[in-house]
Amino acid sequence: MAVLALTACLPAGQGPLSAVEANPPARSPELRDPGNRLDVRYRLNSAAQVSTHIQAADGQRWSIYDRAARPAPGEYVLHFDGTVPGPGPNERRVLPSGDYQIVLDVDASGTRQQAAVPLAIRDADVQTPELIDLAVVPDRISPDFDALDDIANVSFGLAKEAGASLFLDRPLANGATERVWLGDEHALQVGAQRLMWDGLANGQPVPGGSYILGVRARDAAGNVVERGSPIVVDEAGAAEASIVTARIGPRQIIRGERVCMEVLVRNTGGTVLRTSGPDPGYVYNSMDT
């Protein structure tokens, strides 16, 4: 996508919004493609709430910010990357080639003022990195470090080269979802892919419950696609135990007699504490380790 910025200016001292201008950002090592970004700079003469939206020539509009608080007068910058929200709650789409306006709507204690910056987009890459045939196996795991059902495999097809990362959402009572965790991004090619999730979020097992485990794919143009599948987490937690008491006896024995050990172990972790044997009462001989 290539963005062509036209500069718009307002005279100083008229209302809460005194000046607006838009230009591509300055080149820097961190910003590899400044043609895909536009910096809209504006000055506020007082504290205000600023709403921003993109408006197409046919009247269609996309909200960027809604009544964002700007608590003090001064210079502010809106970094626009050529994408708009949707259709999913965490997805992004590149605007198609065409002519648009970036509209600032400023409300300073009831005093309203608007300013519009022309925006021309050319050669937009609107092809999305679609995720095909996503599957989560198994759909029930127990991340308790016992090597049994600790891992979920996420397989999918990728229709376009993109960076992909796993995400975990928690369904809410109102039908929405809450983002619990977003994993590291991996550069992937077109075709069949597989990623693994170990039941951890930020290094700790997630609490038991129902979740949505999925993949977030982001291409170089800025299109973001997400797809997920239900998963249930059971018996999550790190296994931990402490020895409460231990007795070994008798203190003196005759050769060939038995020495007995009695140990009381308490489960101090947050999950089932599994053992590997032998069963209580097992008799070792002197050659056992």
Protein backbone atom coordinates (compact mmCIF):
# COMPACT_ATOMS: atom_id res chain seq x y z
CA MET A 1 0.00 0.00 0.00
CA ALA A 2 1.23 3.48 -0.84
CA VAL A 3 -0.15 6.49 1.04
CA LEU A 4 -0.03 9.98 -0.46
CA ALA A 5 -0.47 12.69 2.15
CA LEU A 6 -1.81 16.15 1.42
CA THR A 7 -1.24 18.87 4.01
CA ALA A 8 -4.15 20.72 5.59
CA CYS A 9 -3.72 23.60 8.01
CA LEU A 10 -6.04 25.61 10.26
CA PRO A 11 -5.24 29.15 11.41
CA ALA A 12 -4.11 29.51 15.02
CA GLY A 13 -6.40 30.68 17.78
CA GLN A 14 -9.78 29.62 16.38
CA GLY A 15 -11.50 27.24 18.80
CA PRO A 16 -9.92 24.39 20.76
CA LEU A 17 -8.14 23.07 17.63
CA SER A 18 -5.57 25.51 16.28
CA ALA A 19 -3.58 23.64 13.62
CA VAL A 20 -3.68 20.36 11.73
CA GLU A 21 -1.18 19.00 9.23
CA ALA A 22 -0.36 15.56 7.83
CA ASN A 23 2.85 14.27 6.34
CA PRO A 24 4.74 10.97 6.02
CA PRO A 25 6.97 10.29 9.05
CA ALA A 26 10.67 10.99 8.90
CA ARG A 27 12.82 8.06 7.79
CA SER A 28 14.46 6.06 10.55
CA PRO A 29 16.01 2.59 11.00
CA GLU A 30 12.92 1.49 12.97
CA LEU A 31 10.51 2.57 10.22
CA ARG A 32 11.30 0.54 7.13
CA ASP A 33 8.37 1.65 4.96
CA PRO A 34 7.28 5.26 5.68
CA GLY A 35 5.02 5.16 2.59
CA ASN A 36 2.60 3.03 4.59
CA ARG A 37 2.16 5.55 7.40
CA LEU A 38 0.85 9.05 7.83
CA ASP A 39 1.46 11.28 10.86
CA VAL A 40 -1.41 13.68 11.55
CA ARG A 41 -0.16 16.43 13.85
CA TYR A 42 -2.53 18.79 15.61
CA ARG A 43 -2.44 21.40 18.36
CA LEU A 44 -5.02 21.76 21.10
CA ASN A 45 -5.52 25.10 22.83
CA SER A 46 -7.18 23.46 25.84
CA ALA A 47 -7.95 20.05 27.34
CA ALA A 48 -10.41 18.17 25.17
CA GLN A 49 -11.82 14.84 24.01
CA VAL A 50 -10.81 13.90 20.47
CA SER A 51 -12.67 11.49 18.19
CA THR A 52 -11.12 10.40 14.90
CA HIS A 53 -12.62 8.58 11.94
CA ILE A 54 -11.85 7.81 8.30
CA GLN A 55 -14.51 8.80 5.78
CA ALA A 56 -14.74 7.55 2.19
CA ALA A 57 -16.11 9.51 -0.76
CA ASP A 58 -19.33 7.42 -0.66
CA GLY A 59 -19.93 8.33 3.01
CA GLN A 60 -18.71 5.07 4.57
CA ARG A 61 -16.76 5.70 7.77
CA TRP A 62 -14.50 3.79 10.15
CA SER A 63 -13.89 4.91 13.73
CA ILE A 64 -10.26 5.15 14.87
CA TYR A 65 -10.70 6.72 18.31
CA ASP A 66 -13.88 7.66 20.16
CA ARG A 67 -13.67 10.54 22.65
CA ALA A 68 -10.04 9.91 23.56
CA ALA A 69 -9.01 12.11 26.50
CA ARG A 70 -6.41 14.79 25.86
CA PRO A 71 -5.96 16.25 29.37
CA ALA A 72 -3.69 19.18 28.52
CA PRO A 73 -3.18 21.65 25.67
CA GLY A 74 -0.26 21.08 23.35
CA GLU A 75 0.95 19.13 20.32
CA TYR A 76 -0.46 15.68 19.53
CA VAL A 77 0.20 13.12 16.78
CA LEU A 78 -2.08 10.50 15.25
CA HIS A 79 -0.08 7.69 13.61
CA PHE A 80 -2.22 6.25 10.81
CA ASP A 81 -0.94 3.04 9.17
CA GLY A 82 -3.53 2.71 6.41
CA THR A 83 -5.63 0.11 8.25
CA VAL A 84 -9.01 0.24 9.98
CA PRO A 85 -10.57 -2.04 12.63
CA GLY A 86 -12.61 -5.12 11.77
CA PRO A 87 -14.41 -7.20 10.93
CA GLY A 88 -13.44 -9.20 14.05
CA PRO A 89 -12.80 -7.42 17.38
CA ASN A 90 -8.99 -7.77 17.08
CA GLU A 91 -8.66 -7.74 13.29
CA ARG A 92 -7.41 -5.04 10.90
CA ARG A 93 -8.02 -4.38 7.21
CA VAL A 94 -6.06 -2.25 4.75
CA LEU A 95 -8.20 0.44 3.17
CA PRO A 96 -8.75 -0.11 -0.58
CA SER A 97 -7.21 2.32 -3.05
CA GLY A 98 -9.24 5.51 -3.19
CA ASP A 99 -9.69 9.00 -1.80
CA TYR A 100 -10.59 9.49 1.85
CA GLN A 101 -10.56 12.02 4.66
CA ILE A 102 -9.12 11.73 8.15
CA VAL A 103 -11.58 13.64 10.32
CA LEU A 104 -10.73 15.02 13.78
CA ASP A 105 -13.70 15.91 16.00
CA VAL A 106 -12.67 17.91 19.08
CA ASP A 107 -14.96 18.55 22.06
CA ALA A 108 -13.61 21.00 24.66
CA SER A 109 -16.21 21.47 27.41
CA GLY A 110 -19.04 21.61 24.91
CA THR A 111 -17.19 23.60 22.26
CA ARG A 112 -17.00 21.43 19.13
CA GLN A 113 -14.63 21.78 16.19
CA GLN A 114 -13.82 19.51 13.25
CA ALA A 115 -10.91 19.35 10.83
CA ALA A 116 -10.48 17.04 7.84
CA VAL A 117 -7.21 15.95 6.22
CA PRO A 118 -7.35 14.62 2.63
CA LEU A 119 -5.94 11.13 2.20
CA ALA A 120 -5.21 9.34 -1.08
CA ILE A 121 -4.39 5.62 -1.03
CA ARG A 122 -2.91 3.93 -4.09
CA ASP A 123 -1.79 0.34 -4.82
CA ALA A 124 -3.37 -1.00 -1.63
CA ASP A 125 -2.68 -4.64 -0.77
CA VAL A 126 -6.11 -5.75 0.43
CA GLN A 127 -5.50 -9.52 0.17
CA THR A 128 -5.79 -10.93 3.69
CA PRO A 129 -3.66 -13.75 5.16
CA GLU A 130 -6.57 -16.16 5.48
CA LEU A 131 -6.33 -19.04 7.96
CA ILE A 132 -7.74 -22.26 6.48
CA ASP A 133 -8.96 -25.45 8.20
CA LEU A 134 -7.80 -24.49 11.69
CA ALA A 135 -7.90 -27.37 14.17
CA VAL A 136 -6.90 -27.68 17.85
CA VAL A 137 -5.93 -31.20 19.00
CA PRO A 138 -6.59 -32.19 21.71
CA ASP A 139 -9.36 -29.78 22.70
CA ARG A 140 -8.87 -30.56 26.42
CA ILE A 141 -5.49 -30.34 28.15
CA SER A 142 -4.09 -30.43 31.70
CA PRO A 143 -0.95 -28.25 31.86
CA ASP A 144 0.47 -29.59 35.13
CA PHE A 145 3.98 -30.59 33.97
CA ASP A 146 3.31 -34.33 34.18
CA ALA A 147 3.92 -34.91 30.44
CA LEU A 148 0.31 -36.13 30.03
CA ASP A 149 -1.99 -33.98 27.85
CA ASP A 150 0.13 -30.91 28.52
CA ILE A 151 0.36 -29.77 24.86
CA ALA A 152 -2.24 -28.65 22.31
CA ASN A 153 -1.33 -28.74 18.61
CA VAL A 154 -2.81 -26.03 16.39
CA SER A 155 -2.78 -26.88 12.68
CA PHE A 156 -3.91 -24.57 9.88
CA GLY A 157 -3.29 -23.52 6.31
CA LEU A 158 -1.92 -20.05 5.53
CA ALA A 159 -3.05 -18.42 2.27
CA LYS A 160 -0.42 -15.64 2.29
CA GLU A 161 3.04 -15.10 3.74
CA ALA A 162 2.56 -13.53 7.16
CA GLY A 163 3.66 -13.39 10.75
CA ALA A 164 1.58 -15.74 12.92
CA SER A 165 1.16 -15.99 16.67
CA LEU A 166 -1.07 -17.98 18.98
CA PHE A 167 -3.62 -16.24 21.18
CA LEU A 168 -5.85 -17.29 24.07
CA ASP A 169 -9.21 -15.65 24.78
CA ARG A 170 -11.60 -16.14 27.70
CA PRO A 171 -15.33 -16.05 26.82
CA LEU A 172 -17.33 -13.58 28.93
CA ALA A 173 -20.91 -13.82 30.14
CA ASN A 174 -22.04 -11.04 27.77
CA GLY A 175 -20.86 -12.98 24.72
CA ALA A 176 -17.65 -11.00 24.24
CA THR A 177 -14.13 -12.33 24.79
CA GLU A 178 -11.16 -11.16 26.85
CA ARG A 179 -7.61 -11.53 25.55
CA VAL A 180 -5.63 -13.57 28.11
CA TRP A 181 -2.39 -14.15 26.22
CA LEU A 182 -0.71 -13.41 22.88
CA GLY A 183 2.35 -15.45 21.94
CA ASP A 184 5.46 -14.55 19.99
CA GLU A 185 5.10 -13.94 16.27
CA HIS A 186 6.66 -16.40 13.80
CA ALA A 187 7.33 -15.61 10.12
CA LEU A 188 5.53 -18.30 8.11
CA GLN A 189 5.23 -19.11 4.40
CA VAL A 190 2.14 -20.06 2.42
CA GLY A 191 0.86 -23.60 3.08
CA ALA A 192 0.22 -26.04 5.91
CA GLN A 193 1.50 -24.94 9.33
CA ARG A 194 1.50 -26.15 12.93
CA LEU A 195 2.09 -24.36 16.21
CA MET A 196 2.05 -25.78 19.75
CA TRP A 197 0.70 -24.35 23.01
CA ASP A 198 1.91 -25.67 26.36
CA GLY A 199 -0.94 -24.31 28.47
CA LEU A 200 1.17 -21.44 29.80
CA ALA A 201 0.57 -17.70 29.67
CA ASN A 202 3.53 -15.52 30.62
CA GLY A 203 5.32 -18.55 32.02
CA GLN A 204 2.49 -19.73 34.30
CA PRO A 205 -0.27 -22.32 33.73
CA VAL A 206 -3.59 -20.63 33.00
CA PRO A 207 -6.45 -21.30 35.44
CA GLY A 208 -8.80 -24.14 34.59
CA GLY A 209 -11.80 -23.28 32.44
CA SER A 210 -13.09 -22.84 28.91
CA TYR A 211 -11.09 -20.75 26.41
CA ILE A 212 -10.66 -19.96 22.74
CA LEU A 213 -7.23 -20.93 21.38
CA GLY A 214 -6.41 -19.56 17.95
CA VAL A 215 -3.99 -18.00 15.48
CA ARG A 216 -3.42 -14.33 14.68
CA ALA A 217 -1.89 -13.71 11.22
CA ARG A 218 -0.53 -10.29 10.20
CA ASP A 219 0.86 -9.55 6.73
CA ALA A 220 3.38 -6.88 5.71
CA ALA A 221 0.65 -4.46 4.58
CA GLY A 222 -1.10 -4.53 7.96
CA ASN A 223 -4.02 -6.88 7.36
CA VAL A 224 -4.74 -8.93 10.50
CA VAL A 225 -6.86 -12.09 10.56
CA GLU A 226 -7.77 -14.19 13.60
CA ARG A 227 -9.34 -17.63 13.82
CA GLY A 228 -9.88 -19.70 16.97
CA SER A 229 -11.35 -22.93 18.34
CA PRO A 230 -12.67 -23.88 21.81
CA ILE A 231 -10.36 -25.58 24.29
CA VAL A 232 -10.84 -26.69 27.91
CA VAL A 233 -8.06 -26.49 30.50
CA ASP A 234 -8.26 -28.96 33.41
CA GLU A 235 -6.04 -29.52 36.47
CA ALA A 236 -3.76 -26.64 35.56
CA GLY A 237 -0.90 -25.72 37.84
CA ALA A 238 2.64 -26.51 38.84
CA ALA A 239 3.08 -29.70 40.86
CA GLU A 240 4.62 -28.99 44.25
CA ALA A 241 5.03 -31.03 47.42
CA SER A 242 6.61 -30.79 50.84
CA ILE A 243 7.75 -33.52 53.27
CA VAL A 244 5.88 -33.00 56.53
CA THR A 245 7.50 -35.80 58.55
CA ALA A 246 10.01 -38.59 57.90
CA ARG A 247 10.97 -41.45 60.23
CA ILE A 248 13.64 -44.13 59.66
CA GLY A 249 14.08 -47.04 62.01
CA PRO A 250 15.00 -48.97 63.94
CA ARG A 251 18.24 -47.21 64.81
CA GLN A 252 19.92 -50.56 65.49
CA ILE A 253 19.27 -53.73 63.48
CA ILE A 254 20.54 -57.28 63.13
CA ARG A 255 22.06 -58.23 59.82
CA GLY A 256 19.31 -59.37 57.43
CA GLU A 257 16.53 -57.45 59.18
CA ARG A 258 14.64 -54.55 57.65
CA VAL A 259 15.07 -50.80 57.95
CA CYS A 260 11.75 -49.00 57.44
CA MET A 261 11.01 -45.48 56.26
CA GLU A 262 7.74 -43.69 56.86
CA VAL A 263 7.20 -40.36 55.07
CA LEU A 264 4.19 -38.01 55.11
CA VAL A 265 4.01 -35.86 51.96
CA ARG A 266 1.66 -32.89 51.56
CA ASN A 267 0.51 -31.62 48.14
CA THR A 268 1.23 -27.88 48.27
CA GLY A 269 0.73 -27.25 44.54
CA GLY A 270 -2.32 -26.28 42.56
CA THR A 271 -2.89 -29.54 40.72
CA VAL A 272 -2.96 -33.32 41.08
CA LEU A 273 0.33 -34.69 42.41
CA ARG A 274 1.21 -37.82 40.47
CA THR A 275 3.70 -40.44 41.61
CA SER A 276 5.80 -42.92 39.67
CA GLY A 277 5.89 -45.72 42.28
CA PRO A 278 6.78 -48.03 43.83
CA ASP A 279 3.63 -48.58 45.88
CA PRO A 280 3.71 -48.12 49.65
CA GLY A 281 5.06 -51.22 51.41
CA TYR A 282 7.50 -52.12 48.64
CA VAL A 283 10.61 -53.88 50.01
CA TYR A 284 13.99 -52.91 48.56
CA ASN A 285 16.97 -55.19 48.86
CA SER A 286 20.47 -53.98 49.60
CA MET A 287 21.38 -53.94 45.91
CA ASP A 288 18.59 -51.52 44.91
CA THR A 289 19.24 -47.82 44.35
